[in-house]
Each structure stands twice: as C-alpha cells, then as structure tokens.
PDB file of N, CA and C in Angstrom:
ATOM      1  N   UNK A   1      97.377  70.236 120.405  1.00  0.00           N
ATOM      2  CA  UNK A   1      97.863  71.371 121.166  1.00  0.00           C
ATOM      3  C   UNK A   1      98.404  72.424 120.206  1.00  0.00           C
ATOM      4  N   UNK A   2      97.925  73.626 120.330  1.00  0.00           N
ATOM      5  CA  UNK A   2      98.389  74.716 119.466  1.00  0.00           C
ATOM      6  C   UNK A   2      99.526  75.466 120.139  1.00  0.00           C
ATOM      7  N   UNK A   3     100.538  75.765 119.371  1.00  0.00           N
ATOM      8  CA  UNK A   3     101.661  76.546 119.897  1.00  0.00           C
ATOM      9  C   UNK A   3     101.242  78.007 120.006  1.00  0.00           C
ATOM     10  N   UNK A   4     101.717  78.671 121.025  1.00  0.00           N
ATOM     11  CA  UNK A   4     101.402  80.090 121.192  1.00  0.00           C
ATOM     12  C   UNK A   4     102.071  80.883 120.079  1.00  0.00           C
ATOM     13  N   UNK A   5     101.330  81.840 119.529  1.00  0.00           N
ATOM     14  CA  UNK A   5     101.876  82.680 118.472  1.00  0.00           C
ATOM     15  C   UNK A   5     102.246  84.029 119.054  1.00  0.00           C
ATOM     16  N   UNK A   6     103.319  84.577 118.563  1.00  0.00           N
ATOM     17  CA  UNK A   6     103.748  85.880 119.041  1.00  0.00           C
ATOM     18  C   UNK A   6     103.804  86.860 117.878  1.00  0.00           C
ATOM     19  N   UNK A   7     103.643  88.118 118.187  1.00  0.00           N
ATOM     20  CA  UNK A   7     103.718  89.185 117.197  1.00  0.00           C
ATOM     21  C   UNK A   7     104.836  90.124 117.617  1.00  0.00           C
ATOM     22  N   UNK A   8     105.716  90.427 116.696  1.00  0.00           N
ATOM     23  CA  UNK A   8     106.787  91.370 116.965  1.00  0.00           C
ATOM     24  C   UNK A   8     106.419  92.705 116.341  1.00  0.00           C
ATOM     25  N   UNK A   9     106.338  93.740 117.145  1.00  0.00           N
ATOM     26  CA  UNK A   9     106.021  95.070 116.656  1.00  0.00           C
ATOM     27  C   UNK A   9     107.326  95.856 116.545  1.00  0.00           C
ATOM     28  N   UNK A  10     107.590  96.349 115.343  1.00  0.00           N
ATOM     29  CA  UNK A  10     108.794  97.143 115.107  1.00  0.00           C
ATOM     30  C   UNK A  10     108.343  98.588 114.941  1.00  0.00           C
ATOM     31  N   UNK A  11     108.680  99.468 115.887  1.00  0.00           N
ATOM     32  CA  UNK A  11     108.217 100.851 115.795  1.00  0.00           C
ATOM     33  C   UNK A  11     108.761 101.549 114.551  1.00  0.00           C
ATOM     34  N   UNK A  12     107.925 102.384 113.935  1.00  0.00           N
ATOM     35  CA  UNK A  12     108.337 103.143 112.754  1.00  0.00           C
ATOM     36  C   UNK A  12     109.317 104.230 113.146  1.00  0.00           C
ATOM     37  N   UNK A  13     110.243 104.501 112.254  1.00  0.00           N
ATOM     38  CA  UNK A  13     111.173 105.596 112.469  1.00  0.00           C
ATOM     39  C   UNK A  13     110.599 106.829 111.787  1.00  0.00           C
ATOM     40  N   UNK A  14     110.577 107.921 112.500  1.00  0.00           N
ATOM     41  CA  UNK A  14     110.068 109.146 111.901  1.00  0.00           C
ATOM     42  C   UNK A  14     111.193 109.889 111.191  1.00  0.00           C
ATOM     43  N   UNK A  15     111.006 111.146 110.957  1.00  0.00           N
ATOM     44  CA  UNK A  15     111.972 111.949 110.222  1.00  0.00           C
ATOM     45  C   UNK A  15     113.315 112.007 110.943  1.00  0.00           C
ATOM     46  N   UNK A  16     114.369 111.840 110.183  1.00  0.00           N
ATOM     47  CA  UNK A  16     115.720 111.925 110.719  1.00  0.00           C
ATOM     48  C   UNK A  16     116.290 113.302 110.410  1.00  0.00           C
ATOM     49  N   UNK A  17     117.192 113.786 111.227  1.00  0.00           N
ATOM     50  CA  UNK A  17     117.866 115.058 110.975  1.00  0.00           C
ATOM     51  C   UNK A  17     119.335 114.759 110.734  1.00  0.00           C
ATOM     52  N   UNK A  18     119.826 115.180 109.580  1.00  0.00           N
ATOM     53  CA  UNK A  18     121.227 114.926 109.256  1.00  0.00           C
ATOM     54  C   UNK A  18     122.115 115.974 109.912  1.00  0.00           C
ATOM     55  N   UNK A  19     123.409 115.801 109.770  1.00  0.00           N
ATOM     56  CA  UNK A  19     124.362 116.700 110.419  1.00  0.00           C
ATOM     57  C   UNK A  19     124.282 118.131 109.899  1.00  0.00           C
ATOM     58  N   UNK A  20     123.759 118.327 108.681  1.00  0.00           N
ATOM     59  CA  UNK A  20     123.653 119.690 108.156  1.00  0.00           C
ATOM     60  C   UNK A  20     122.252 120.276 108.398  1.00  0.00           C
ATOM     61  N   UNK A  21     121.509 119.716 109.342  1.00  0.00           N
ATOM     62  CA  UNK A  21     120.204 120.198 109.796  1.00  0.00           C
ATOM     63  C   UNK A  21     119.116 120.148 108.719  1.00  0.00           C
ATOM     64  N   UNK A  22     119.289 119.336 107.712  1.00  0.00           N
ATOM     65  CA  UNK A  22     118.276 119.156 106.680  1.00  0.00           C
ATOM     66  C   UNK A  22     117.493 117.890 107.031  1.00  0.00           C
ATOM     67  N   UNK A  23     116.188 117.996 107.050  1.00  0.00           N
ATOM     68  CA  UNK A  23     115.365 116.839 107.374  1.00  0.00           C
ATOM     69  C   UNK A  23     115.306 115.889 106.183  1.00  0.00           C
ATOM     70  N   UNK A  24     115.440 114.618 106.469  1.00  0.00           N
ATOM     71  CA  UNK A  24     115.311 113.586 105.445  1.00  0.00           C
ATOM     72  C   UNK A  24     114.351 112.526 105.972  1.00  0.00           C
ATOM     73  N   UNK A  25     113.647 111.893 105.079  1.00  0.00           N
ATOM     74  CA  UNK A  25     112.717 110.850 105.484  1.00  0.00           C
ATOM     75  C   UNK A  25     113.416 109.509 105.409  1.00  0.00           C
ATOM     76  N   UNK A  26     113.325 108.748 106.479  1.00  0.00           N
ATOM     77  CA  UNK A  26     113.961 107.433 106.527  1.00  0.00           C
ATOM     78  C   UNK A  26     113.203 106.465 105.624  1.00  0.00           C
ATOM     79  N   UNK A  27     113.929 105.571 104.963  1.00  0.00           N
ATOM     80  CA  UNK A  27     113.291 104.532 104.175  1.00  0.00           C
ATOM     81  C   UNK A  27     112.649 103.547 105.130  1.00  0.00           C
ATOM     82  N   UNK A  28     111.505 103.019 104.726  1.00  0.00           N
ATOM     83  CA  UNK A  28     110.792 102.060 105.561  1.00  0.00           C
ATOM     84  C   UNK A  28     110.777 100.711 104.873  1.00  0.00           C
ATOM     85  N   UNK A  29     110.934  99.683 105.643  1.00  0.00           N
ATOM     86  CA  UNK A  29     110.806  98.328 105.128  1.00  0.00           C
ATOM     87  C   UNK A  29     109.381  97.878 105.371  1.00  0.00           C
ATOM     88  N   UNK A  30     108.799  97.260 104.379  1.00  0.00           N
ATOM     89  CA  UNK A  30     107.418  96.809 104.492  1.00  0.00           C
ATOM     90  C   UNK A  30     107.306  95.359 104.039  1.00  0.00           C
ATOM     91  N   UNK A  31     106.226  94.753 104.401  1.00  0.00           N
ATOM     92  CA  UNK A  31     105.935  93.399 103.944  1.00  0.00           C
ATOM     93  C   UNK A  31     104.457  93.320 103.586  1.00  0.00           C
ATOM     94  N   UNK A  32     104.154  92.580 102.565  1.00  0.00           N
ATOM     95  CA  UNK A  32     102.769  92.351 102.177  1.00  0.00           C
ATOM     96  C   UNK A  32     102.379  90.946 102.613  1.00  0.00           C
ATOM     97  N   UNK A  33     101.109  90.762 102.899  1.00  0.00           N
ATOM     98  CA  UNK A  33     100.624  89.479 103.383  1.00  0.00           C
ATOM     99  C   UNK A  33      99.396  89.087 102.582  1.00  0.00           C
ATOM    100  N   UNK A  34      99.410  87.913 102.006  1.00  0.00           N
ATOM    101  CA  UNK A  34      98.248  87.377 101.302  1.00  0.00           C
ATOM    102  C   UNK A  34      98.040  85.955 101.798  1.00  0.00           C
ATOM    103  N   UNK A  35      96.777  85.552 101.929  1.00  0.00           N
ATOM    104  CA  UNK A  35      96.533  84.206 102.431  1.00  0.00           C
ATOM    105  C   UNK A  35      95.236  83.646 101.870  1.00  0.00           C
ATOM    106  N   UNK A  36      95.110  82.355 101.932  1.00  0.00           N
ATOM    107  CA  UNK A  36      93.869  81.659 101.612  1.00  0.00           C
ATOM    108  C   UNK A  36      93.567  80.700 102.754  1.00  0.00           C
ATOM    109  N   UNK A  37      92.292  80.411 102.941  1.00  0.00           N
ATOM    110  CA  UNK A  37      91.934  79.549 104.061  1.00  0.00           C
ATOM    111  C   UNK A  37      91.586  78.125 103.637  1.00  0.00           C
ATOM    112  N   UNK A  38      91.366  77.903 102.344  1.00  0.00           N
ATOM    113  CA  UNK A  38      91.061  76.553 101.856  1.00  0.00           C
ATOM    114  C   UNK A  38      91.745  76.330 100.513  1.00  0.00           C
ATOM    115  N   UNK A  39      91.646  75.115 100.003  1.00  0.00           N
ATOM    116  CA  UNK A  39      92.213  74.789  98.692  1.00  0.00           C
ATOM    117  C   UNK A  39      91.203  74.971  97.566  1.00  0.00           C
ATOM    118  N   UNK A  40      90.049  75.566  97.847  1.00  0.00           N
ATOM    119  CA  UNK A  40      89.029  75.689  96.811  1.00  0.00           C
ATOM    120  C   UNK A  40      89.463  76.664  95.717  1.00  0.00           C
ATOM    121  N   UNK A  41      88.892  76.505  94.532  1.00  0.00           N
ATOM    122  CA  UNK A  41      89.237  77.335  93.374  1.00  0.00           C
ATOM    123  C   UNK A  41      88.966  78.820  93.650  1.00  0.00           C
ATOM    124  N   UNK A  42      87.896  79.121  94.371  1.00  0.00           N
ATOM    125  CA  UNK A  42      87.569  80.517  94.684  1.00  0.00           C
ATOM    126  C   UNK A  42      88.675  81.174  95.512  1.00  0.00           C
ATOM    127  N   UNK A  43      89.252  80.407  96.416  1.00  0.00           N
ATOM    128  CA  UNK A  43      90.315  80.942  97.259  1.00  0.00           C
ATOM    129  C   UNK A  43      91.588  81.200  96.452  1.00  0.00           C
ATOM    130  N   UNK A  44      91.849  80.380  95.441  1.00  0.00           N
ATOM    131  CA  UNK A  44      93.039  80.601  94.616  1.00  0.00           C
ATOM    132  C   UNK A  44      92.939  81.926  93.868  1.00  0.00           C
ATOM    133  N   UNK A  45      91.750  82.247  93.351  1.00  0.00           N
ATOM    134  CA  UNK A  45      91.601  83.532  92.661  1.00  0.00           C
ATOM    135  C   UNK A  45      91.648  84.672  93.677  1.00  0.00           C
ATOM    136  N   UNK A  46      91.215  84.428  94.897  1.00  0.00           N
ATOM    137  CA  UNK A  46      91.309  85.442  95.948  1.00  0.00           C
ATOM    138  C   UNK A  46      92.772  85.748  96.256  1.00  0.00           C
ATOM    139  N   UNK A  47      93.595  84.720  96.305  1.00  0.00           N
ATOM    140  CA  UNK A  47      95.026  84.911  96.561  1.00  0.00           C
ATOM    141  C   UNK A  47      95.644  85.755  95.446  1.00  0.00           C
ATOM    142  N   UNK A  48      95.341  85.403  94.203  1.00  0.00           N
ATOM    143  CA  UNK A  48      95.871  86.162  93.068  1.00  0.00           C
ATOM    144  C   UNK A  48      95.419  87.621  93.130  1.00  0.00           C
ATOM    145  N   UNK A  49      94.170  87.850  93.499  1.00  0.00           N
ATOM    146  CA  UNK A  49      93.654  89.218  93.601  1.00  0.00           C
ATOM    147  C   UNK A  49      94.390  89.988  94.701  1.00  0.00           C
ATOM    148  N   UNK A  50      94.669  89.333  95.815  1.00  0.00           N
ATOM    149  CA  UNK A  50      95.399  89.993  96.903  1.00  0.00           C
ATOM    150  C   UNK A  50      96.812  90.368  96.477  1.00  0.00           C
ATOM    151  N   UNK A  51      97.491  89.453  95.797  1.00  0.00           N
ATOM    152  CA  UNK A  51      98.853  89.714  95.332  1.00  0.00           C
ATOM    153  C   UNK A  51      98.850  90.854  94.319  1.00  0.00           C
ATOM    154  N   UNK A  52      97.909  90.828  93.374  1.00  0.00           N
ATOM    155  CA  UNK A  52      97.821  91.899  92.377  1.00  0.00           C
ATOM    156  C   UNK A  52      97.548  93.244  93.029  1.00  0.00           C
ATOM    157  N   UNK A  53      96.627  93.285  93.987  1.00  0.00           N
ATOM    158  CA  UNK A  53      96.314  94.539  94.680  1.00  0.00           C
ATOM    159  C   UNK A  53      97.550  95.072  95.402  1.00  0.00           C
ATOM    160  N   UNK A  54      98.220  94.214  96.166  1.00  0.00           N
ATOM    161  CA  UNK A  54      99.402  94.648  96.915  1.00  0.00           C
ATOM    162  C   UNK A  54     100.501  95.136  95.980  1.00  0.00           C
ATOM    163  N   UNK A  55     100.710  94.438  94.877  1.00  0.00           N
ATOM    164  CA  UNK A  55     101.744  94.837  93.921  1.00  0.00           C
ATOM    165  C   UNK A  55     101.437  96.216  93.342  1.00  0.00           C
ATOM    166  N   UNK A  56     100.197  96.426  92.895  1.00  0.00           N
ATOM    167  CA  UNK A  56      99.811  97.744  92.344  1.00  0.00           C
ATOM    168  C   UNK A  56      99.922  98.830  93.404  1.00  0.00           C
ATOM    169  N   UNK A  57      99.482  98.544  94.618  1.00  0.00           N
ATOM    170  CA  UNK A  57      99.517  99.534  95.695  1.00  0.00           C
ATOM    171  C   UNK A  57     100.941  99.988  95.983  1.00  0.00           C
ATOM    172  N   UNK A  58     101.855  99.033  96.156  1.00  0.00           N
ATOM    173  CA  UNK A  58     103.234  99.393  96.508  1.00  0.00           C
ATOM    174  C   UNK A  58     103.954 100.079  95.363  1.00  0.00           C
ATOM    175  N   UNK A  59     103.691  99.649  94.128  1.00  0.00           N
ATOM    176  CA  UNK A  59     104.321 100.319  92.995  1.00  0.00           C
ATOM    177  C   UNK A  59     103.846 101.766  92.880  1.00  0.00           C
ATOM    178  N   UNK A  60     102.547 102.001  93.111  1.00  0.00           N
ATOM    179  CA  UNK A  60     102.038 103.378  93.036  1.00  0.00           C
ATOM    180  C   UNK A  60     102.543 104.209  94.209  1.00  0.00           C
ATOM    181  N   UNK A  61     102.744 103.601  95.361  1.00  0.00           N
ATOM    182  CA  UNK A  61     103.249 104.323  96.534  1.00  0.00           C
ATOM    183  C   UNK A  61     104.702 104.737  96.347  1.00  0.00           C
ATOM    184  N   UNK A  62     105.464 103.935  95.618  1.00  0.00           N
ATOM    185  CA  UNK A  62     106.881 104.236  95.413  1.00  0.00           C
ATOM    186  C   UNK A  62     107.077 105.435  94.492  1.00  0.00           C
ATOM    187  N   UNK A  63     106.087 105.741  93.662  1.00  0.00           N
ATOM    188  CA  UNK A  63     106.198 106.858  92.726  1.00  0.00           C
ATOM    189  C   UNK A  63     106.018 108.203  93.416  1.00  0.00           C
ATOM    190  N   UNK A  64     105.421 108.203  94.582  1.00  0.00           N
ATOM    191  CA  UNK A  64     105.109 109.458  95.284  1.00  0.00           C
ATOM    192  C   UNK A  64     106.317 110.048  95.955  1.00  0.00           C
TER     193      UNK A  64
END
C-alpha cells in the first residue's frame, strides 16, 4: 500500500514597498532537487551532474 503524497505550494512574494515608498525585492528561499532511480554507476554520475549543475546555476544567479 502506497501512502498518499502531498505537495505544498508556497506562493512567491512579489515586490515589497517600504515605508519610504522605495520598492525593494524580497529575498526568496529556494531548494534544489537531485535524484537517482537506481544504484547503477550511471545513475551516480547523473546525481553528481545534477548537483554540479544546480550549484553553478544558483551561484551565477546570486551574482545578478
């Protein structure tokens, strides 16, 4: 018997307006997800590739 899975959707916050009427962008919390479906050697390198891609992506996004 499989347990039912649920997904929690957290709506994004858009631009906030401070008390001095200057727009500021709210910080967003994010999560990266990497997975493998088997214990085979090919899947292990796939996991490493996913982690490397996500790490490079988020680091480059933070510079903007």
